[in-house]
Amino acid sequence: MKKKKLFGWNIDEPKSKVEMILSHLINNRKIDTWTAFTKYRATRLSGVIYNLRKRFNIVSKDVKDKEDGRKSYVVYIYKGLKNVDW
């Protein structure tokens, strides 16, 4: 079976952190910094998302911590491909 590639990134068998995060977003529709760090050891999720936004619709959502209500974090939500001519 042919491996699924998207803009040169291998989605079926990701090897780089960018591929792992993109695959996670496509399969799970969202990711946060804690998930990126614990699953993929990606410490600069915002940088990866910045680069992926050039070709994909990814929105940011601020979420308040349920325990103390003061702390917040960002969840990145995958919305699909952008309509760009590359």
C-alpha atoms as a PDB file:
ATOM      1  CA  MET A   1       0.000   0.000   0.000  1.00  0.00           C
ATOM      2  CA  LYS A   2       1.241   3.481  -0.879  1.00  0.00           C
ATOM      3  CA  LYS A   3       2.179   5.717   2.020  1.00  0.00           C
ATOM      4  CA  LYS A   4      -0.056   8.760   2.439  1.00  0.00           C
ATOM      5  CA  LYS A   5       1.906  11.992   1.983  1.00  0.00           C
ATOM      6  CA  LEU A   6       0.626  15.519   2.384  1.00  0.00           C
ATOM      7  CA  PHE A   7       2.807  18.331   1.019  1.00  0.00           C
ATOM      8  CA  GLY A   8       5.818  16.018   1.383  1.00  0.00           C
ATOM      9  CA  TRP A   9       5.041  14.992   4.966  1.00  0.00           C
ATOM     10  CA  ASN A  10       4.483  11.307   5.668  1.00  0.00           C
ATOM     11  CA  ILE A  11       1.215  11.044   7.584  1.00  0.00           C
ATOM     12  CA  ASP A  12       0.921   7.253   7.888  1.00  0.00           C
ATOM     13  CA  GLU A  13       4.394   6.653   9.339  1.00  0.00           C
ATOM     14  CA  PRO A  14       5.554   9.979  10.776  1.00  0.00           C
ATOM     15  CA  LYS A  15       9.220  10.268  11.703  1.00  0.00           C
ATOM     16  CA  SER A  16       9.811  13.961  12.400  1.00  0.00           C
ATOM     17  CA  LYS A  17       8.108  15.962  15.126  1.00  0.00           C
ATOM     18  CA  VAL A  18       6.285  18.040  12.525  1.00  0.00           C
ATOM     19  CA  GLU A  19       4.921  14.884  10.873  1.00  0.00           C
ATOM     20  CA  MET A  20       3.914  13.438  14.247  1.00  0.00           C
ATOM     21  CA  ILE A  21       2.064  16.604  15.266  1.00  0.00           C
ATOM     22  CA  LEU A  22       0.376  16.942  11.857  1.00  0.00           C
ATOM     23  CA  SER A  23      -0.691  13.289  11.965  1.00  0.00           C
ATOM     24  CA  HIS A  24      -2.035  13.781  15.495  1.00  0.00           C
ATOM     25  CA  LEU A  25      -3.998  16.865  14.414  1.00  0.00           C
ATOM     26  CA  ILE A  26      -5.509  15.102  11.402  1.00  0.00           C
ATOM     27  CA  ASN A  27      -6.479  12.028  13.415  1.00  0.00           C
ATOM     28  CA  ASN A  28      -7.564  13.694  16.689  1.00  0.00           C
ATOM     29  CA  ARG A  29      -8.535  17.199  15.467  1.00  0.00           C
ATOM     30  CA  LYS A  30      -6.776  18.972  18.371  1.00  0.00           C
ATOM     31  CA  ILE A  31      -3.554  19.150  20.367  1.00  0.00           C
ATOM     32  CA  ASP A  32      -2.182  21.146  23.307  1.00  0.00           C
ATOM     33  CA  THR A  33       1.360  21.771  24.508  1.00  0.00           C
ATOM     34  CA  TRP A  34       1.240  19.115  27.221  1.00  0.00           C
ATOM     35  CA  THR A  35       0.159  16.409  24.761  1.00  0.00           C
ATOM     36  CA  ALA A  36       2.828  17.499  22.269  1.00  0.00           C
ATOM     37  CA  PHE A  37       5.506  17.357  24.951  1.00  0.00           C
ATOM     38  CA  THR A  38       4.525  14.075  26.579  1.00  0.00           C
ATOM     39  CA  LYS A  39       3.789  12.137  23.374  1.00  0.00           C
ATOM     40  CA  TYR A  40       6.277  13.624  20.912  1.00  0.00           C
ATOM     41  CA  ARG A  41       8.829  15.521  23.050  1.00  0.00           C
ATOM     42  CA  ALA A  42       7.979  18.668  21.074  1.00  0.00           C
ATOM     43  CA  THR A  43       8.827  21.669  23.225  1.00  0.00           C
ATOM     44  CA  ARG A  44       8.026  24.364  20.622  1.00  0.00           C
ATOM     45  CA  LEU A  45       4.503  23.469  19.561  1.00  0.00           C
ATOM     46  CA  SER A  46       3.675  27.090  18.738  1.00  0.00           C
ATOM     47  CA  GLY A  47       6.555  27.146  16.224  1.00  0.00           C
ATOM     48  CA  VAL A  48       5.387  23.935  14.575  1.00  0.00           C
ATOM     49  CA  ILE A  49       1.819  25.252  14.393  1.00  0.00           C
ATOM     50  CA  TYR A  50       3.082  28.529  12.901  1.00  0.00           C
ATOM     51  CA  ASN A  51       4.701  26.613  10.031  1.00  0.00           C
ATOM     52  CA  LEU A  52       1.740  24.273   9.525  1.00  0.00           C
ATOM     53  CA  ARG A  53      -0.665  27.226   9.297  1.00  0.00           C
ATOM     54  CA  LYS A  54       0.867  28.125   5.934  1.00  0.00           C
ATOM     55  CA  ARG A  55      -1.056  25.203   4.398  1.00  0.00           C
ATOM     56  CA  PHE A  56      -3.600  24.113   6.989  1.00  0.00           C
ATOM     57  CA  ASN A  57      -6.452  25.820   8.808  1.00  0.00           C
ATOM     58  CA  ILE A  58      -5.517  25.563  12.469  1.00  0.00           C
ATOM     59  CA  VAL A  59      -7.260  27.754  15.015  1.00  0.00           C
ATOM     60  CA  SER A  60      -6.219  28.553  18.572  1.00  0.00           C
ATOM     61  CA  LYS A  61      -8.595  28.317  21.501  1.00  0.00           C
ATOM     62  CA  ASP A  62      -7.761  29.627  24.984  1.00  0.00           C
ATOM     63  CA  VAL A  63      -8.877  27.242  27.707  1.00  0.00           C
ATOM     64  CA  LYS A  64      -9.059  28.085  31.420  1.00  0.00           C
ATOM     65  CA  ASP A  65      -7.703  25.603  33.926  1.00  0.00           C
ATOM     66  CA  LYS A  66     -10.616  23.884  35.648  1.00  0.00           C
ATOM     67  CA  GLU A  67      -8.929  23.649  39.049  1.00  0.00           C
ATOM     68  CA  ASP A  68      -8.000  27.254  39.756  1.00  0.00           C
ATOM     69  CA  GLY A  69      -9.668  29.159  36.916  1.00  0.00           C
ATOM     70  CA  ARG A  70      -6.767  31.605  36.590  1.00  0.00           C
ATOM     71  CA  LYS A  71      -4.290  29.673  34.503  1.00  0.00           C
ATOM     72  CA  SER A  72      -5.018  29.179  30.854  1.00  0.00           C
ATOM     73  CA  TYR A  73      -3.490  27.278  27.977  1.00  0.00           C
ATOM     74  CA  VAL A  74      -3.999  27.035  24.223  1.00  0.00           C
ATOM     75  CA  VAL A  75      -5.556  24.167  22.329  1.00  0.00           C
ATOM     76  CA  TYR A  76      -4.858  24.045  18.586  1.00  0.00           C
ATOM     77  CA  ILE A  77      -7.776  22.745  16.524  1.00  0.00           C
ATOM     78  CA  TYR A  78      -7.360  21.343  13.003  1.00  0.00           C
ATOM     79  CA  LYS A  79      -9.977  22.619  10.535  1.00  0.00           C
ATOM     80  CA  GLY A  80      -8.604  21.159   7.266  1.00  0.00           C
ATOM     81  CA  LEU A  81      -6.557  22.288   4.281  1.00  0.00           C
ATOM     82  CA  LYS A  82      -6.337  25.893   3.184  1.00  0.00           C
ATOM     83  CA  ASN A  83      -7.288  26.749  -0.375  1.00  0.00           C
ATOM     84  CA  VAL A  84      -3.872  27.777  -1.627  1.00  0.00           C
ATOM     85  CA  ASP A  85      -2.210  27.322  -4.993  1.00  0.00           C
ATOM     86  CA  TRP A  86       1.247  25.863  -4.450  1.00  0.00           C
END
